[in-house]
């Protein structure tokens, strides 16, 4: 795994795509009056890609792996928030399921990178 830039990492690319899909669906209007949940979900989704980028420049495999675990945690946090958004009827259940599946895939890919870095 010899990336020259964090932008080459598939998990970062998928996280960026998920961020774009979220913004295309809701834009600046968010969830109407439920701004706190919208903002928290938006920040969690951004944190996935940001932690990959920050860890990539961490200087060591150990540091990169640490930041990748933060990225995985942000995946889990975003998944939980998607359940809340679905329960509050901000998201169609099928769309929420699709987005949670995307987050599961990102989480899985990150896990593979972490295992590689720690081996």
N, C-alpha and C. Protein backbone atom coordinates (compact mmCIF):
# COMPACT_ATOMS: atom_id res chain seq x y z
N UNK A 1 0.84 -1.18 0.00
CA UNK A 1 0.00 0.00 0.00
C UNK A 1 0.89 1.25 0.00
N UNK A 2 1.27 1.64 -1.16
CA UNK A 2 2.17 2.79 -1.26
C UNK A 2 1.43 3.96 -1.90
N UNK A 3 0.68 4.66 -1.10
CA UNK A 3 -0.05 5.82 -1.59
C UNK A 3 0.86 7.04 -1.57
N UNK A 4 0.69 7.90 -2.54
CA UNK A 4 1.43 9.16 -2.58
C UNK A 4 0.63 10.27 -1.89
N UNK A 5 -0.68 10.09 -1.84
CA UNK A 5 -1.58 11.09 -1.25
C UNK A 5 -2.75 10.37 -0.60
N UNK A 6 -3.30 10.98 0.43
CA UNK A 6 -4.48 10.38 1.07
C UNK A 6 -5.65 10.30 0.09
N UNK A 7 -5.65 11.13 -0.94
CA UNK A 7 -6.75 11.12 -1.91
C UNK A 7 -6.78 9.84 -2.75
N UNK A 8 -5.70 9.07 -2.72
CA UNK A 8 -5.63 7.81 -3.44
C UNK A 8 -6.24 6.66 -2.64
N UNK A 9 -6.52 6.87 -1.37
CA UNK A 9 -7.02 5.81 -0.49
C UNK A 9 -8.52 5.62 -0.75
N UNK A 10 -8.89 4.39 -1.09
CA UNK A 10 -10.28 4.10 -1.45
C UNK A 10 -11.26 4.51 -0.35
N UNK A 11 -10.92 4.26 0.89
CA UNK A 11 -11.83 4.61 1.98
C UNK A 11 -12.07 6.13 2.03
N UNK A 12 -11.03 6.91 1.79
CA UNK A 12 -11.19 8.37 1.75
C UNK A 12 -12.09 8.77 0.59
N UNK A 13 -11.89 8.15 -0.57
CA UNK A 13 -12.71 8.46 -1.74
C UNK A 13 -14.18 8.13 -1.49
N UNK A 14 -14.43 6.99 -0.85
CA UNK A 14 -15.82 6.61 -0.55
C UNK A 14 -16.43 7.53 0.50
N UNK A 15 -15.64 7.92 1.48
CA UNK A 15 -16.14 8.85 2.50
C UNK A 15 -16.47 10.20 1.87
N UNK A 16 -15.64 10.65 0.96
CA UNK A 16 -15.92 11.90 0.25
C UNK A 16 -17.22 11.79 -0.54
N UNK A 17 -17.40 10.66 -1.21
CA UNK A 17 -18.63 10.43 -1.97
C UNK A 17 -19.85 10.47 -1.04
N UNK A 18 -19.73 9.84 0.13
CA UNK A 18 -20.86 9.83 1.07
C UNK A 18 -21.17 11.25 1.54
N UNK A 19 -20.14 12.04 1.79
CA UNK A 19 -20.34 13.43 2.17
C UNK A 19 -21.08 14.20 1.07
N UNK A 20 -20.66 13.98 -0.16
CA UNK A 20 -21.29 14.66 -1.29
C UNK A 20 -22.75 14.24 -1.43
N UNK A 21 -23.03 12.95 -1.31
CA UNK A 21 -24.41 12.47 -1.40
C UNK A 21 -25.29 13.08 -0.31
N UNK A 22 -24.74 13.15 0.89
CA UNK A 22 -25.50 13.74 2.00
C UNK A 22 -25.83 15.20 1.70
N UNK A 23 -24.84 15.94 1.23
CA UNK A 23 -25.06 17.37 0.96
C UNK A 23 -26.02 17.56 -0.22
N UNK A 24 -25.91 16.70 -1.24
CA UNK A 24 -26.82 16.79 -2.38
C UNK A 24 -28.26 16.53 -1.95
N UNK A 25 -28.43 15.62 -1.01
CA UNK A 25 -29.78 15.27 -0.54
C UNK A 25 -30.38 16.38 0.33
N UNK A 26 -29.56 16.98 1.18
CA UNK A 26 -30.10 17.90 2.18
C UNK A 26 -29.62 19.34 2.06
N UNK A 27 -28.42 19.53 1.50
CA UNK A 27 -27.90 20.88 1.32
C UNK A 27 -27.92 21.70 2.59
N UNK A 28 -27.91 22.98 2.42
CA UNK A 28 -27.85 23.90 3.55
C UNK A 28 -29.13 23.89 4.38
N UNK A 29 -30.23 23.35 3.85
CA UNK A 29 -31.50 23.32 4.60
C UNK A 29 -31.50 22.26 5.68
N UNK A 30 -30.63 21.29 5.55
CA UNK A 30 -30.51 20.26 6.58
C UNK A 30 -31.80 19.53 6.87
N UNK A 31 -32.06 19.35 8.14
CA UNK A 31 -33.26 18.66 8.58
C UNK A 31 -34.28 19.65 9.12
N UNK A 32 -34.33 20.82 8.54
CA UNK A 32 -35.27 21.83 9.01
C UNK A 32 -34.91 22.31 10.41
N UNK A 33 -35.83 22.18 11.32
CA UNK A 33 -35.62 22.67 12.69
C UNK A 33 -34.72 21.76 13.51
N UNK A 34 -34.42 20.58 13.02
CA UNK A 34 -33.56 19.63 13.73
C UNK A 34 -32.10 19.85 13.31
N UNK A 35 -31.66 21.10 13.47
CA UNK A 35 -30.33 21.48 13.00
C UNK A 35 -29.22 20.74 13.75
N UNK A 36 -29.39 20.50 15.04
CA UNK A 36 -28.34 19.86 15.82
C UNK A 36 -28.00 18.47 15.27
N UNK A 37 -29.01 17.69 14.95
CA UNK A 37 -28.76 16.35 14.40
C UNK A 37 -28.13 16.46 13.02
N UNK A 38 -28.64 17.34 12.19
CA UNK A 38 -28.06 17.53 10.86
C UNK A 38 -26.59 17.91 10.97
N UNK A 39 -26.28 18.86 11.83
CA UNK A 39 -24.91 19.32 11.98
C UNK A 39 -24.00 18.21 12.51
N UNK A 40 -24.50 17.46 13.48
CA UNK A 40 -23.70 16.37 14.05
C UNK A 40 -23.42 15.29 13.01
N UNK A 41 -24.42 14.95 12.22
CA UNK A 41 -24.23 13.95 11.18
C UNK A 41 -23.28 14.47 10.10
N UNK A 42 -23.44 15.71 9.72
CA UNK A 42 -22.56 16.31 8.72
C UNK A 42 -21.11 16.30 9.21
N UNK A 43 -20.90 16.64 10.49
CA UNK A 43 -19.54 16.64 11.04
C UNK A 43 -18.98 15.24 11.17
N UNK A 44 -19.79 14.27 11.54
CA UNK A 44 -19.31 12.88 11.64
C UNK A 44 -18.88 12.35 10.29
N UNK A 45 -19.67 12.62 9.27
CA UNK A 45 -19.31 12.16 7.92
C UNK A 45 -18.02 12.82 7.47
N UNK A 46 -17.85 14.09 7.76
CA UNK A 46 -16.62 14.78 7.40
C UNK A 46 -15.42 14.27 8.17
N UNK A 47 -15.65 13.88 9.40
CA UNK A 47 -14.58 13.39 10.26
C UNK A 47 -13.98 12.09 9.73
N UNK A 48 -14.77 11.30 9.04
CA UNK A 48 -14.26 10.04 8.48
C UNK A 48 -13.11 10.35 7.52
N UNK A 49 -13.36 11.22 6.58
CA UNK A 49 -12.33 11.52 5.59
C UNK A 49 -11.22 12.38 6.17
N UNK A 50 -11.55 13.27 7.09
CA UNK A 50 -10.54 14.15 7.68
C UNK A 50 -9.53 13.37 8.52
N UNK A 51 -9.99 12.37 9.25
CA UNK A 51 -9.05 11.58 10.06
C UNK A 51 -8.15 10.71 9.20
N UNK A 52 -8.66 10.24 8.07
CA UNK A 52 -7.80 9.50 7.14
C UNK A 52 -6.70 10.43 6.64
N UNK A 53 -7.09 11.64 6.26
CA UNK A 53 -6.11 12.61 5.74
C UNK A 53 -5.09 12.99 6.81
N UNK A 54 -5.57 13.29 8.01
CA UNK A 54 -4.67 13.70 9.08
C UNK A 54 -3.71 12.58 9.46
N UNK A 55 -4.21 11.37 9.57
CA UNK A 55 -3.36 10.24 9.93
C UNK A 55 -2.35 9.90 8.87
N UNK A 56 -2.73 10.11 7.61
CA UNK A 56 -1.81 9.82 6.51
C UNK A 56 -0.51 10.60 6.66
N UNK A 57 -0.62 11.82 7.14
CA UNK A 57 0.56 12.67 7.32
C UNK A 57 1.14 12.58 8.73
N UNK A 58 0.78 11.54 9.47
CA UNK A 58 1.20 11.42 10.85
C UNK A 58 2.65 11.03 11.06
N UNK A 59 3.32 10.56 10.04
CA UNK A 59 4.74 10.27 10.16
C UNK A 59 5.10 8.83 10.45
N UNK A 60 4.14 8.03 10.86
CA UNK A 60 4.45 6.62 11.14
C UNK A 60 3.21 5.77 10.92
N UNK A 61 3.44 4.47 10.71
CA UNK A 61 2.32 3.55 10.56
C UNK A 61 1.47 3.50 11.82
N UNK A 62 2.14 3.56 12.97
CA UNK A 62 1.41 3.53 14.25
C UNK A 62 0.48 4.73 14.36
N UNK A 63 0.97 5.90 14.01
CA UNK A 63 0.15 7.11 14.08
C UNK A 63 -0.99 7.06 13.07
N UNK A 64 -0.70 6.58 11.88
CA UNK A 64 -1.73 6.46 10.85
C UNK A 64 -2.82 5.50 11.32
N UNK A 65 -2.43 4.36 11.87
CA UNK A 65 -3.41 3.39 12.37
C UNK A 65 -4.29 4.01 13.47
N UNK A 66 -3.69 4.83 14.33
CA UNK A 66 -4.46 5.48 15.40
C UNK A 66 -5.55 6.37 14.80
N UNK A 67 -5.20 7.16 13.82
CA UNK A 67 -6.18 8.05 13.21
C UNK A 67 -7.22 7.27 12.40
N UNK A 68 -6.81 6.17 11.83
CA UNK A 68 -7.78 5.34 11.12
C UNK A 68 -8.82 4.77 12.08
N UNK A 69 -8.41 4.44 13.31
CA UNK A 69 -9.40 3.98 14.28
C UNK A 69 -10.38 5.10 14.62
N UNK A 70 -9.90 6.34 14.66
CA UNK A 70 -10.82 7.48 14.86
C UNK A 70 -11.81 7.56 13.71
N UNK A 71 -11.32 7.32 12.52
CA UNK A 71 -12.17 7.35 11.34
C UNK A 71 -13.25 6.27 11.42
N UNK A 72 -12.86 5.09 11.88
CA UNK A 72 -13.84 4.01 12.07
C UNK A 72 -14.90 4.41 13.10
N UNK A 73 -14.46 5.05 14.17
CA UNK A 73 -15.40 5.50 15.19
C UNK A 73 -16.38 6.50 14.62
N UNK A 74 -15.89 7.37 13.73
CA UNK A 74 -16.78 8.34 13.09
C UNK A 74 -17.79 7.63 12.19
N UNK A 75 -17.38 6.54 11.55
CA UNK A 75 -18.32 5.73 10.77
C UNK A 75 -19.45 5.22 11.67
N UNK A 76 -19.07 4.69 12.81
CA UNK A 76 -20.07 4.16 13.75
C UNK A 76 -20.98 5.26 14.27
N UNK A 77 -20.38 6.40 14.58
CA UNK A 77 -21.18 7.53 15.06
C UNK A 77 -22.18 7.97 14.00
N UNK A 78 -21.72 8.08 12.76
CA UNK A 78 -22.61 8.49 11.67
C UNK A 78 -23.73 7.47 11.46
N UNK A 79 -23.40 6.19 11.58
CA UNK A 79 -24.45 5.17 11.44
C UNK A 79 -25.51 5.34 12.51
N UNK A 80 -25.11 5.58 13.73
CA UNK A 80 -26.06 5.79 14.81
C UNK A 80 -26.94 7.01 14.54
N UNK A 81 -26.32 8.07 14.05
CA UNK A 81 -27.07 9.28 13.74
C UNK A 81 -28.04 9.06 12.59
N UNK A 82 -27.68 8.21 11.64
CA UNK A 82 -28.60 7.89 10.56
C UNK A 82 -29.84 7.18 11.08
N UNK A 83 -29.67 6.33 12.09
CA UNK A 83 -30.84 5.71 12.71
C UNK A 83 -31.75 6.78 13.33
N UNK A 84 -31.14 7.74 14.02
CA UNK A 84 -31.95 8.81 14.61
C UNK A 84 -32.64 9.63 13.53
N UNK A 85 -31.93 9.94 12.47
CA UNK A 85 -32.53 10.72 11.38
C UNK A 85 -33.68 9.95 10.74
N UNK A 86 -33.51 8.65 10.59
CA UNK A 86 -34.58 7.82 10.06
C UNK A 86 -35.78 7.81 11.01
N UNK A 87 -35.52 7.62 12.30
CA UNK A 87 -36.59 7.59 13.29
C UNK A 87 -37.36 8.90 13.36
N UNK A 88 -36.67 10.00 13.07
CA UNK A 88 -37.32 11.31 13.09
C UNK A 88 -37.89 11.69 11.72
N UNK A 89 -37.86 10.74 10.82
CA UNK A 89 -38.43 10.87 9.48
C UNK A 89 -37.76 11.94 8.62
N UNK A 90 -36.48 12.14 8.85
CA UNK A 90 -35.70 13.01 7.98
C UNK A 90 -35.18 12.23 6.77
N UNK A 91 -35.07 10.91 6.94
CA UNK A 91 -34.53 10.04 5.89
C UNK A 91 -35.51 8.93 5.59
N UNK A 92 -35.65 8.64 4.32
CA UNK A 92 -36.40 7.47 3.89
C UNK A 92 -35.67 6.23 4.40
N UNK A 93 -36.38 5.24 4.93
CA UNK A 93 -35.71 4.04 5.47
C UNK A 93 -34.79 3.35 4.47
N UNK A 94 -35.17 3.30 3.19
CA UNK A 94 -34.31 2.65 2.19
C UNK A 94 -33.02 3.43 1.98
N UNK A 95 -33.11 4.75 1.98
CA UNK A 95 -31.91 5.58 1.83
C UNK A 95 -31.02 5.46 3.05
N UNK A 96 -31.62 5.45 4.23
CA UNK A 96 -30.84 5.30 5.46
C UNK A 96 -30.10 3.96 5.46
N UNK A 97 -30.76 2.91 5.04
CA UNK A 97 -30.14 1.58 4.96
C UNK A 97 -28.99 1.59 3.96
N UNK A 98 -29.20 2.20 2.81
CA UNK A 98 -28.16 2.28 1.79
C UNK A 98 -26.94 3.02 2.33
N UNK A 99 -27.16 4.14 3.00
CA UNK A 99 -26.05 4.92 3.53
C UNK A 99 -25.33 4.19 4.65
N UNK A 100 -26.07 3.47 5.49
CA UNK A 100 -25.41 2.67 6.53
C UNK A 100 -24.56 1.58 5.90
N UNK A 101 -25.03 1.01 4.81
CA UNK A 101 -24.24 0.00 4.10
C UNK A 101 -22.96 0.59 3.54
N UNK A 102 -23.04 1.82 3.01
CA UNK A 102 -21.83 2.49 2.53
C UNK A 102 -20.84 2.68 3.68
N UNK A 103 -21.36 3.08 4.83
CA UNK A 103 -20.48 3.29 5.99
C UNK A 103 -19.87 1.98 6.46
N UNK A 104 -20.64 0.90 6.39
CA UNK A 104 -20.08 -0.42 6.74
C UNK A 104 -18.92 -0.77 5.82
N UNK A 105 -19.06 -0.47 4.54
CA UNK A 105 -18.00 -0.75 3.57
C UNK A 105 -16.76 0.08 3.86
N UNK A 106 -16.95 1.36 4.14
CA UNK A 106 -15.82 2.22 4.48
C UNK A 106 -15.12 1.70 5.74
N UNK A 107 -15.91 1.34 6.75
CA UNK A 107 -15.38 0.81 8.01
C UNK A 107 -14.54 -0.45 7.75
N UNK A 108 -15.05 -1.31 6.89
CA UNK A 108 -14.36 -2.56 6.57
C UNK A 108 -13.03 -2.29 5.87
N UNK A 109 -13.04 -1.40 4.91
CA UNK A 109 -11.81 -1.07 4.17
C UNK A 109 -10.77 -0.48 5.12
N UNK A 110 -11.20 0.42 5.97
CA UNK A 110 -10.29 1.03 6.95
C UNK A 110 -9.71 -0.05 7.86
N UNK A 111 -10.55 -0.99 8.27
CA UNK A 111 -10.07 -2.09 9.11
C UNK A 111 -8.97 -2.88 8.44
N UNK A 112 -9.10 -3.11 7.14
CA UNK A 112 -8.06 -3.82 6.40
C UNK A 112 -6.75 -3.04 6.37
N UNK A 113 -6.85 -1.73 6.23
CA UNK A 113 -5.64 -0.90 6.23
C UNK A 113 -4.98 -0.95 7.62
N UNK A 114 -5.80 -0.87 8.65
CA UNK A 114 -5.26 -0.92 10.02
C UNK A 114 -4.53 -2.26 10.24
N UNK A 115 -5.15 -3.37 9.84
CA UNK A 115 -4.51 -4.67 10.02
C UNK A 115 -3.18 -4.72 9.27
N UNK A 116 -3.15 -4.18 8.07
CA UNK A 116 -1.91 -4.16 7.29
C UNK A 116 -0.84 -3.33 8.00
N UNK A 117 -1.21 -2.17 8.50
CA UNK A 117 -0.24 -1.30 9.15
C UNK A 117 0.31 -1.90 10.43
N UNK A 118 -0.49 -2.68 11.10
CA UNK A 118 -0.07 -3.27 12.38
C UNK A 118 0.67 -4.61 12.21
N UNK A 119 0.69 -5.13 10.99
CA UNK A 119 1.36 -6.43 10.78
C UNK A 119 2.84 -6.28 10.49
